[in-house]
Protein backbone atom coordinates (compact mmCIF):
# COMPACT_ATOMS: atom_id res chain seq x y z
CA MET A 1 -7.43 -17.73 -13.94
CA SER A 2 -9.98 -16.78 -10.84
CA GLU A 3 -13.72 -16.03 -12.12
CA GLU A 4 -14.80 -14.01 -9.41
CA LYS A 5 -13.16 -10.90 -11.18
CA PRO A 6 -13.01 -9.18 -14.94
CA ILE A 7 -10.83 -9.64 -17.27
CA ILE A 8 -8.87 -6.46 -17.55
CA THR A 9 -7.17 -5.67 -21.32
CA PHE A 10 -3.66 -4.08 -21.03
CA ASP A 11 -4.30 -0.26 -21.86
CA ASP A 12 -6.99 -1.19 -17.89
CA PHE A 13 -3.49 -2.22 -16.30
CA ILE A 14 -1.62 0.89 -17.84
CA LYS A 15 -2.99 2.95 -16.14
CA LEU A 16 -2.45 1.90 -13.12
CA ASP A 17 0.30 4.21 -11.38
CA ILE A 18 2.48 1.95 -8.49
CA ARG A 19 5.43 3.52 -7.11
CA VAL A 20 7.69 3.25 -4.57
CA GLY A 21 7.64 4.86 -1.31
CA THR A 22 9.19 4.67 1.89
CA VAL A 23 6.99 4.41 4.90
CA ILE A 24 8.08 7.49 6.88
CA GLU A 25 5.07 7.38 9.77
CA ALA A 26 3.10 4.33 10.78
CA GLU A 27 0.20 4.39 13.73
CA LYS A 28 -2.44 1.84 14.51
CA VAL A 29 -5.84 3.37 13.92
CA PRO A 30 -7.27 3.75 17.35
CA ASN A 31 -10.80 1.73 17.64
CA SER A 32 -9.60 -0.40 14.77
CA LEU A 33 -7.84 -4.43 15.00
CA LYS A 34 -6.82 -4.56 11.58
CA LEU A 35 -6.10 -0.86 10.12
CA ILE A 36 -2.27 0.83 10.41
CA ARG A 37 -1.96 4.41 9.10
CA LEU A 38 1.11 4.61 6.87
CA VAL A 39 2.89 8.09 5.73
CA ILE A 40 4.67 7.24 2.92
CA ASP A 41 6.93 9.40 1.24
CA PHE A 42 7.22 8.90 -2.84
CA GLY A 43 9.49 11.94 -2.94
CA ASP A 44 7.88 14.72 -5.10
CA PHE A 45 4.68 13.72 -2.75
CA LYS A 46 3.80 12.05 0.40
CA ARG A 47 0.11 10.00 1.56
CA GLN A 48 -1.26 9.09 4.26
CA VAL A 49 -2.10 5.44 3.47
CA LEU A 50 -4.45 2.59 5.75
CA ALA A 51 -3.62 -0.89 5.32
CA GLY A 52 -5.62 -3.67 7.23
CA ILE A 53 -2.53 -5.33 8.01
CA ALA A 54 -2.52 -4.74 11.96
CA THR A 55 -2.98 -8.24 12.62
CA LYS A 56 0.50 -9.38 11.30
CA TYR A 57 2.55 -6.61 10.87
CA SER A 58 3.76 -3.67 13.72
CA PRO A 59 4.07 0.09 12.96
CA GLU A 60 7.79 -0.34 14.01
CA ASP A 61 7.82 -3.48 11.50
CA LEU A 62 6.77 -0.05 8.74
CA LEU A 63 8.64 2.58 9.38
CA ASN A 64 11.73 3.06 6.66
CA LYS A 65 10.72 0.42 4.56
CA GLN A 66 10.14 0.93 1.01
CA ILE A 67 6.82 -0.42 -0.19
CA PRO A 68 4.90 -0.03 -3.43
CA VAL A 69 1.71 1.84 -3.51
CA ILE A 70 -0.98 2.23 -5.99
CA VAL A 71 -1.22 5.53 -6.51
CA ASN A 72 -3.82 6.85 -8.25
CA LEU A 73 -7.16 5.76 -6.54
CA ALA A 74 -9.41 7.65 -5.90
CA PRO A 75 -9.19 8.85 -1.81
CA ARG A 76 -11.84 6.04 0.61
CA LYS A 77 -12.58 6.84 3.81
CA MET A 78 -12.36 4.12 6.80
CA ALA A 79 -12.48 5.01 9.59
CA GLY A 80 -12.94 8.01 9.72
CA LEU A 81 -9.68 8.73 7.97
CA GLU A 82 -8.96 9.35 4.20
CA SER A 83 -6.73 6.62 2.11
CA GLN A 84 -5.01 7.56 -0.15
CA GLY A 85 -3.81 4.54 -2.33
CA MET A 86 -3.11 0.90 -1.70
CA ILE A 87 0.21 -1.21 -0.73
CA MET A 88 0.82 -4.20 -2.63
CA ALA A 89 0.50 -7.21 -0.91
CA VAL A 90 -0.01 -11.23 -2.03
CA GLY A 91 -1.50 -13.36 -0.02
CA ASP A 92 -4.52 -16.48 0.42
CA ASN A 93 -6.21 -16.87 3.29
CA GLU A 94 -3.64 -18.38 5.55
CA VAL A 95 -0.73 -16.18 4.43
CA GLU A 96 0.27 -12.43 3.69
CA ALA A 97 2.74 -10.84 2.82
CA LEU A 98 3.94 -7.18 2.42
CA LEU A 99 5.98 -6.77 -1.16
CA PHE A 100 9.24 -4.98 -0.73
CA PRO A 101 12.07 -4.28 -2.85
CA THR A 102 15.48 -6.32 -2.60
CA GLU A 103 16.91 -3.43 -3.81
CA THR A 104 16.75 0.12 -2.44
CA VAL A 105 15.11 2.31 -5.13
CA LYS A 106 14.44 6.05 -5.86
CA GLU A 107 11.29 7.40 -3.90
CA GLY A 108 8.83 7.44 -6.37
CA ALA A 109 10.30 4.64 -9.14
CA SER A 110 7.68 3.62 -10.79
CA VAL A 111 6.78 -0.38 -10.91
CA HIS A 112 6.19 -2.02 -14.25
C-alpha cells in the first residue's frame, strides 16, 4: 500500500462517478508535448478531457475507442483549455497503459 496518498473510505470512493464513453474527437494540443484533447461521448452528454498521453498514444489511436473517465471532477485548466474529467490509466515509471473495456458497452455505462 502506498504511504504517499491518504487512506479514503468506501464512502469517499463511491463519490467518484466513473463512466465509459466513446472518443469522438482527438487532437494534439498545440504547444504541448504531452497533452491530447479528447471529446468523449457518454450518450446523454459529451465532455472535453485533456490527457498527458501524447508521448505514448497518437490521437488516431484513440478515435472511436471506449474509455472509462471520472466525470464528476471539478474542471481544471491546462494549456489554456478546460479538462472536464480524467481518463483511467495504469502505469509505473516504465509502462503506461490506458484502460479500455474488453466488450463494447453502452455510452455512459457506470464503472463499478
